PDB file of N, CA and C in Angstrom:
ATOM      1  N   MET A   1       0.291  -0.970   0.092  1.00  0.00           N
ATOM      2  CA  MET A   1      -0.570  -0.088  -0.307  1.00  0.00           C
ATOM      3  C   MET A   1       0.642   1.188   0.151  1.00  0.00           C
ATOM      4  N   ILE A   2       0.729   2.546  -0.127  1.00  0.00           N
ATOM      5  CA  ILE A   2       0.916   3.556  -0.911  1.00  0.00           C
ATOM      6  C   ILE A   2       0.778   4.231  -0.036  1.00  0.00           C
ATOM      7  N   CYS A   3       1.726   4.693   1.191  1.00  0.00           N
ATOM      8  CA  CYS A   3       1.189   6.088   2.030  1.00  0.00           C
ATOM      9  C   CYS A   3       1.614   7.240   1.316  1.00  0.00           C
ATOM     10  N   ASP A   4      -0.188   8.376   1.717  1.00  0.00           N
ATOM     11  CA  ASP A   4      -0.262   9.612   1.374  1.00  0.00           C
ATOM     12  C   ASP A   4       1.163  10.627   1.628  1.00  0.00           C
ATOM     13  N   SER A   5       1.587  10.194   2.478  1.00  0.00           N
ATOM     14  CA  SER A   5       3.376  10.512   2.354  1.00  0.00           C
ATOM     15  C   SER A   5       4.189  10.749   1.367  1.00  0.00           C
ATOM     16  N   PHE A   6       4.201  10.136   0.987  1.00  0.00           N
ATOM     17  CA  PHE A   6       4.790   9.916  -0.879  1.00  0.00           C
ATOM     18  C   PHE A   6       4.798  10.963  -2.099  1.00  0.00           C
ATOM     19  N   PHE A   7       3.250  10.745  -2.005  1.00  0.00           N
ATOM     20  CA  PHE A   7       2.505  11.997  -2.580  1.00  0.00           C
ATOM     21  C   PHE A   7       3.469  13.348  -2.879  1.00  0.00           C
ATOM     22  N   MET A   8       3.956  13.370  -4.309  1.00  0.00           N
ATOM     23  CA  MET A   8       4.697  15.139  -4.529  1.00  0.00           C
ATOM     24  C   MET A   8       2.727  16.048  -4.316  1.00  0.00           C
ATOM     25  N   LYS A   9       2.247  15.361  -4.828  1.00  0.00           N
ATOM     26  CA  LYS A   9       0.799  16.631  -5.085  1.00  0.00           C
ATOM     27  C   LYS A   9      -0.301  15.444  -5.382  1.00  0.00           C
ATOM     28  N   THR A  10      -1.293  15.741  -5.235  1.00  0.00           N
ATOM     29  CA  THR A  10      -3.069  15.861  -5.734  1.00  0.00           C
ATOM     30  C   THR A  10      -3.190  16.414  -6.848  1.00  0.00           C
ATOM     31  N   LEU A  11      -3.732  15.685  -8.413  1.00  0.00           N
ATOM     32  CA  LEU A  11      -4.307  17.648  -8.647  1.00  0.00           C
ATOM     33  C   LEU A  11      -5.277  17.044  -9.080  1.00  0.00           C
ATOM     34  N   ALA A  12      -6.868  17.421  -8.826  1.00  0.00           N
ATOM     35  CA  ALA A  12      -7.914  16.692  -9.273  1.00  0.00           C
ATOM     36  C   ALA A  12      -8.394  16.903 -11.559  1.00  0.00           C
ATOM     37  N   VAL A  13      -9.150  15.657 -11.346  1.00  0.00           N
ATOM     38  CA  VAL A  13      -8.832  15.213 -12.778  1.00  0.00           C
ATOM     39  C   VAL A  13      -8.301  16.008 -14.100  1.00  0.00           C
ATOM     40  N   GLY A  14      -9.961  17.760 -13.935  1.00  0.00           N
ATOM     41  CA  GLY A  14      -8.784  18.703 -14.678  1.00  0.00           C
ATOM     42  C   GLY A  14      -8.031  18.768 -14.757  1.00  0.00           C
ATOM     43  N   GLU A  15      -7.020  18.479 -13.472  1.00  0.00           N
ATOM     44  CA  GLU A  15      -5.911  19.256 -14.016  1.00  0.00           C
ATOM     45  C   GLU A  15      -5.340  18.816 -14.307  1.00  0.00           C
ATOM     46  N   PHE A  16      -4.848  17.332 -14.341  1.00  0.00           N
ATOM     47  CA  PHE A  16      -4.293  16.170 -14.047  1.00  0.00           C
ATOM     48  C   PHE A  16      -4.761  16.036 -15.391  1.00  0.00           C
ATOM     49  N   LYS A  17      -5.672  16.328 -16.791  1.00  0.00           N
ATOM     50  CA  LYS A  17      -5.665  16.015 -18.218  1.00  0.00           C
ATOM     51  C   LYS A  17      -4.841  17.915 -18.635  1.00  0.00           C
ATOM     52  N   THR A  18      -5.267  18.415 -18.060  1.00  0.00           N
ATOM     53  CA  THR A  18      -4.540  19.547 -18.572  1.00  0.00           C
ATOM     54  C   THR A  18      -3.065  19.477 -18.195  1.00  0.00           C
ATOM     55  N   HIS A  19      -2.448  18.692 -17.378  1.00  0.00           N
ATOM     56  CA  HIS A  19      -0.622  19.094 -17.119  1.00  0.00           C
ATOM     57  C   HIS A  19       0.080  17.336 -17.497  1.00  0.00           C
ATOM     58  N   PHE A  20      -1.069  16.875 -17.995  1.00  0.00           N
ATOM     59  CA  PHE A  20      -0.331  15.014 -18.516  1.00  0.00           C
ATOM     60  C   PHE A  20       0.636  15.202 -18.013  1.00  0.00           C
ATOM     61  N   SER A  21       0.913  15.688 -19.685  1.00  0.00           N
ATOM     62  CA  SER A  21       2.657  15.437 -19.736  1.00  0.00           C
ATOM     63  C   SER A  21       3.623  15.665 -18.518  1.00  0.00           C
ATOM     64  N   GLU A  22       3.742  17.027 -18.098  1.00  0.00           N
ATOM     65  CA  GLU A  22       3.959  17.573 -16.645  1.00  0.00           C
ATOM     66  C   GLU A  22       3.950  16.485 -15.282  1.00  0.00           C
ATOM     67  N   ALA A  23       3.157  15.512 -14.973  1.00  0.00           N
ATOM     68  CA  ALA A  23       2.203  14.805 -14.112  1.00  0.00           C
ATOM     69  C   ALA A  23       3.449  13.485 -14.383  1.00  0.00           C
ATOM     70  N   LEU A  24       3.457  12.712 -15.871  1.00  0.00           N
ATOM     71  CA  LEU A  24       4.501  11.762 -16.098  1.00  0.00           C
ATOM     72  C   LEU A  24       5.983  12.802 -15.474  1.00  0.00           C
ATOM     73  N   GLU A  25       6.513  13.076 -16.159  1.00  0.00           N
ATOM     74  CA  GLU A  25       7.635  13.787 -16.637  1.00  0.00           C
ATOM     75  C   GLU A  25       8.450  13.611 -15.046  1.00  0.00           C
ATOM     76  N   GLU A  26       6.699  13.896 -14.280  1.00  0.00           N
ATOM     77  CA  GLU A  26       7.143  13.882 -12.130  1.00  0.00           C
ATOM     78  C   GLU A  26       7.248  12.133 -11.682  1.00  0.00           C
ATOM     79  N   VAL A  27       6.670  11.979 -12.763  1.00  0.00           N
ATOM     80  CA  VAL A  27       7.435  10.190 -12.017  1.00  0.00           C
ATOM     81  C   VAL A  27       7.658   9.554 -12.404  1.00  0.00           C
ATOM     82  N   ARG A  28       8.405  10.067 -13.911  1.00  0.00           N
ATOM     83  CA  ARG A  28       9.586   9.134 -14.198  1.00  0.00           C
ATOM     84  C   ARG A  28      10.951   9.749 -13.444  1.00  0.00           C
ATOM     85  N   HIS A  29      11.439  10.840 -12.717  1.00  0.00           N
ATOM     86  CA  HIS A  29      11.943  10.884 -11.701  1.00  0.00           C
ATOM     87  C   HIS A  29      11.735  11.455 -10.285  1.00  0.00           C
ATOM     88  N   GLY A  30      11.339   9.561 -10.424  1.00  0.00           N
ATOM     89  CA  GLY A  30      10.288   9.335  -9.369  1.00  0.00           C
ATOM     90  C   GLY A  30       9.308   9.502  -7.455  1.00  0.00           C
ATOM     91  N   LYS A  31       8.668  10.477  -8.320  1.00  0.00           N
ATOM     92  CA  LYS A  31       7.247  10.927  -7.389  1.00  0.00           C
ATOM     93  C   LYS A  31       6.210  10.291  -7.953  1.00  0.00           C
ATOM     94  N   THR A  32       5.516  11.002  -6.895  1.00  0.00           N
ATOM     95  CA  THR A  32       4.187  10.192  -7.476  1.00  0.00           C
ATOM     96  C   THR A  32       3.168  11.078  -7.036  1.00  0.00           C
ATOM     97  N   VAL A  33       1.511  10.850  -7.786  1.00  0.00           N
ATOM     98  CA  VAL A  33       0.864  11.625  -7.862  1.00  0.00           C
ATOM     99  C   VAL A  33      -0.388  11.728  -8.156  1.00  0.00           C
ATOM    100  N   GLY A  34      -1.015  11.224  -6.944  1.00  0.00           N
ATOM    101  CA  GLY A  34      -2.457  11.709  -6.350  1.00  0.00           C
ATOM    102  C   GLY A  34      -3.217  12.503  -7.474  1.00  0.00           C
ATOM    103  N   VAL A  35      -4.685  11.612  -7.477  1.00  0.00           N
ATOM    104  CA  VAL A  35      -5.328  11.946  -9.084  1.00  0.00           C
ATOM    105  C   VAL A  35      -6.696  12.524  -7.584  1.00  0.00           C
ATOM    106  N   SER A  36      -7.641  13.730  -7.989  1.00  0.00           N
ATOM    107  CA  SER A  36      -8.982  13.339  -6.761  1.00  0.00           C
ATOM    108  C   SER A  36      -9.712  13.601  -8.184  1.00  0.00           C
ATOM    109  N   PHE A  37     -11.273  12.676  -7.669  1.00  0.00           N
ATOM    110  CA  PHE A  37     -12.188  13.545  -8.204  1.00  0.00           C
ATOM    111  C   PHE A  37     -13.518  13.828  -8.084  1.00  0.00           C
ATOM    112  N   GLY A  38     -14.163  14.971  -8.224  1.00  0.00           N
ATOM    113  CA  GLY A  38     -15.666  14.677  -7.798  1.00  0.00           C
ATOM    114  C   GLY A  38     -14.999  15.954  -6.780  1.00  0.00           C
ATOM    115  N   ARG A  39     -17.010  16.179  -6.111  1.00  0.00           N
ATOM    116  CA  ARG A  39     -17.081  17.679  -5.395  1.00  0.00           C
ATOM    117  C   ARG A  39     -16.064  16.834  -4.247  1.00  0.00           C
ATOM    118  N   ASN A  40     -16.070  16.636  -3.696  1.00  0.00           N
ATOM    119  CA  ASN A  40     -15.444  15.543  -2.292  1.00  0.00           C
ATOM    120  C   ASN A  40     -13.621  15.385  -1.934  1.00  0.00           C
ATOM    121  N   GLY A  41     -13.023  15.718  -3.625  1.00  0.00           N
ATOM    122  CA  GLY A  41     -12.026  15.258  -4.244  1.00  0.00           C
ATOM    123  C   GLY A  41     -11.131  14.008  -3.179  1.00  0.00           C
ATOM    124  N   GLN A  42     -12.140  12.861  -3.987  1.00  0.00           N
ATOM    125  CA  GLN A  42     -11.938  12.001  -2.942  1.00  0.00           C
ATOM    126  C   GLN A  42     -10.923  11.609  -4.498  1.00  0.00           C
ATOM    127  N   LEU A  43      -9.689  10.696  -3.698  1.00  0.00           N
ATOM    128  CA  LEU A  43      -8.263   9.823  -4.340  1.00  0.00           C
ATOM    129  C   LEU A  43      -9.204   8.855  -5.157  1.00  0.00           C
ATOM    130  N   VAL A  44      -8.842   8.632  -6.602  1.00  0.00           N
ATOM    131  CA  VAL A  44      -9.618   7.403  -7.358  1.00  0.00           C
ATOM    132  C   VAL A  44      -7.988   7.070  -7.705  1.00  0.00           C
ATOM    133  N   ALA A  45      -7.100   7.264  -8.476  1.00  0.00           N
ATOM    134  CA  ALA A  45      -5.874   6.664  -9.079  1.00  0.00           C
ATOM    135  C   ALA A  45      -4.422   6.588  -8.351  1.00  0.00           C
ATOM    136  N   ILE A  46      -3.438   6.591  -8.787  1.00  0.00           N
ATOM    137  CA  ILE A  46      -2.298   7.208  -8.215  1.00  0.00           C
ATOM    138  C   ILE A  46      -1.080   6.877  -8.684  1.00  0.00           C
ATOM    139  N   LEU A  47      -0.832   7.680  -9.396  1.00  0.00           N
ATOM    140  CA  LEU A  47       0.931   7.236 -10.595  1.00  0.00           C
ATOM    141  C   LEU A  47       2.304   7.410 -10.357  1.00  0.00           C
ATOM    142  N   ALA A  48       2.419   6.479 -10.040  1.00  0.00           N
ATOM    143  CA  ALA A  48       3.627   5.851  -9.458  1.00  0.00           C
ATOM    144  C   ALA A  48       5.074   5.765 -10.041  1.00  0.00           C
ATOM    145  N   PRO A  49       5.592   5.631  -9.276  1.00  0.00           N
ATOM    146  CA  PRO A  49       7.400   5.056 -10.613  1.00  0.00           C
ATOM    147  C   PRO A  49       7.205   3.123 -10.834  1.00  0.00           C
ATOM    148  N   PRO A  50       7.303   2.736 -12.022  1.00  0.00           N
ATOM    149  CA  PRO A  50       8.093   1.019 -11.291  1.00  0.00           C
ATOM    150  C   PRO A  50       8.225   0.660 -10.089  1.00  0.00           C
ATOM    151  N   LYS A  51       9.138   1.212 -10.297  1.00  0.00           N
ATOM    152  CA  LYS A  51      10.057   0.549  -8.730  1.00  0.00           C
ATOM    153  C   LYS A  51       9.768   0.352  -7.493  1.00  0.00           C
ATOM    154  N   LEU A  52       8.212   1.737  -7.764  1.00  0.00           N
ATOM    155  CA  LEU A  52       8.287   1.856  -6.222  1.00  0.00           C
ATOM    156  C   LEU A  52       7.044   0.832  -5.764  1.00  0.00           C
ATOM    157  N   VAL A  53       6.337   0.842  -7.132  1.00  0.00           N
ATOM    158  CA  VAL A  53       4.629  -0.562  -7.029  1.00  0.00           C
ATOM    159  C   VAL A  53       4.837  -1.686  -6.866  1.00  0.00           C
ATOM    160  N   LEU A  54       6.008  -1.817  -7.941  1.00  0.00           N
ATOM    161  CA  LEU A  54       6.757  -3.429  -7.786  1.00  0.00           C
ATOM    162  C   LEU A  54       8.090  -4.000  -6.680  1.00  0.00           C
ATOM    163  N   HIS A  55       8.530  -2.511  -5.710  1.00  0.00           N
ATOM    164  CA  HIS A  55       9.054  -3.101  -4.798  1.00  0.00           C
ATOM    165  C   HIS A  55       7.985  -3.185  -3.658  1.00  0.00           C
ATOM    166  N   GLN A  56       7.241  -2.481  -3.271  1.00  0.00           N
ATOM    167  CA  GLN A  56       6.335  -2.338  -2.143  1.00  0.00           C
ATOM    168  C   GLN A  56       4.891  -3.646  -1.958  1.00  0.00           C
ATOM    169  N   ALA A  57       5.174  -4.060  -4.020  1.00  0.00           N
ATOM    170  CA  ALA A  57       4.227  -5.853  -4.201  1.00  0.00           C
ATOM    171  C   ALA A  57       5.089  -7.143  -3.839  1.00  0.00           C
ATOM    172  N   ALA A  58       6.489  -6.744  -3.632  1.00  0.00           N
ATOM    173  CA  ALA A  58       6.925  -8.048  -3.453  1.00  0.00           C
ATOM    174  C   ALA A  58       7.434  -8.381  -2.041  1.00  0.00           C
TER     175      ALA A  58
END
């Protein structure tokens, strides 16, 4: 499980769509980005580097 403290930032889905390339670049540099959705800003996705996800799954 990935903890909130790993997030460099959380983007609303609209912001994420607008800044998709920048978000991918941050992930490429080892950072994690959360994507929120809805009026309450519920976290619906986490974009993380493969090394982090694979390490946590092991």
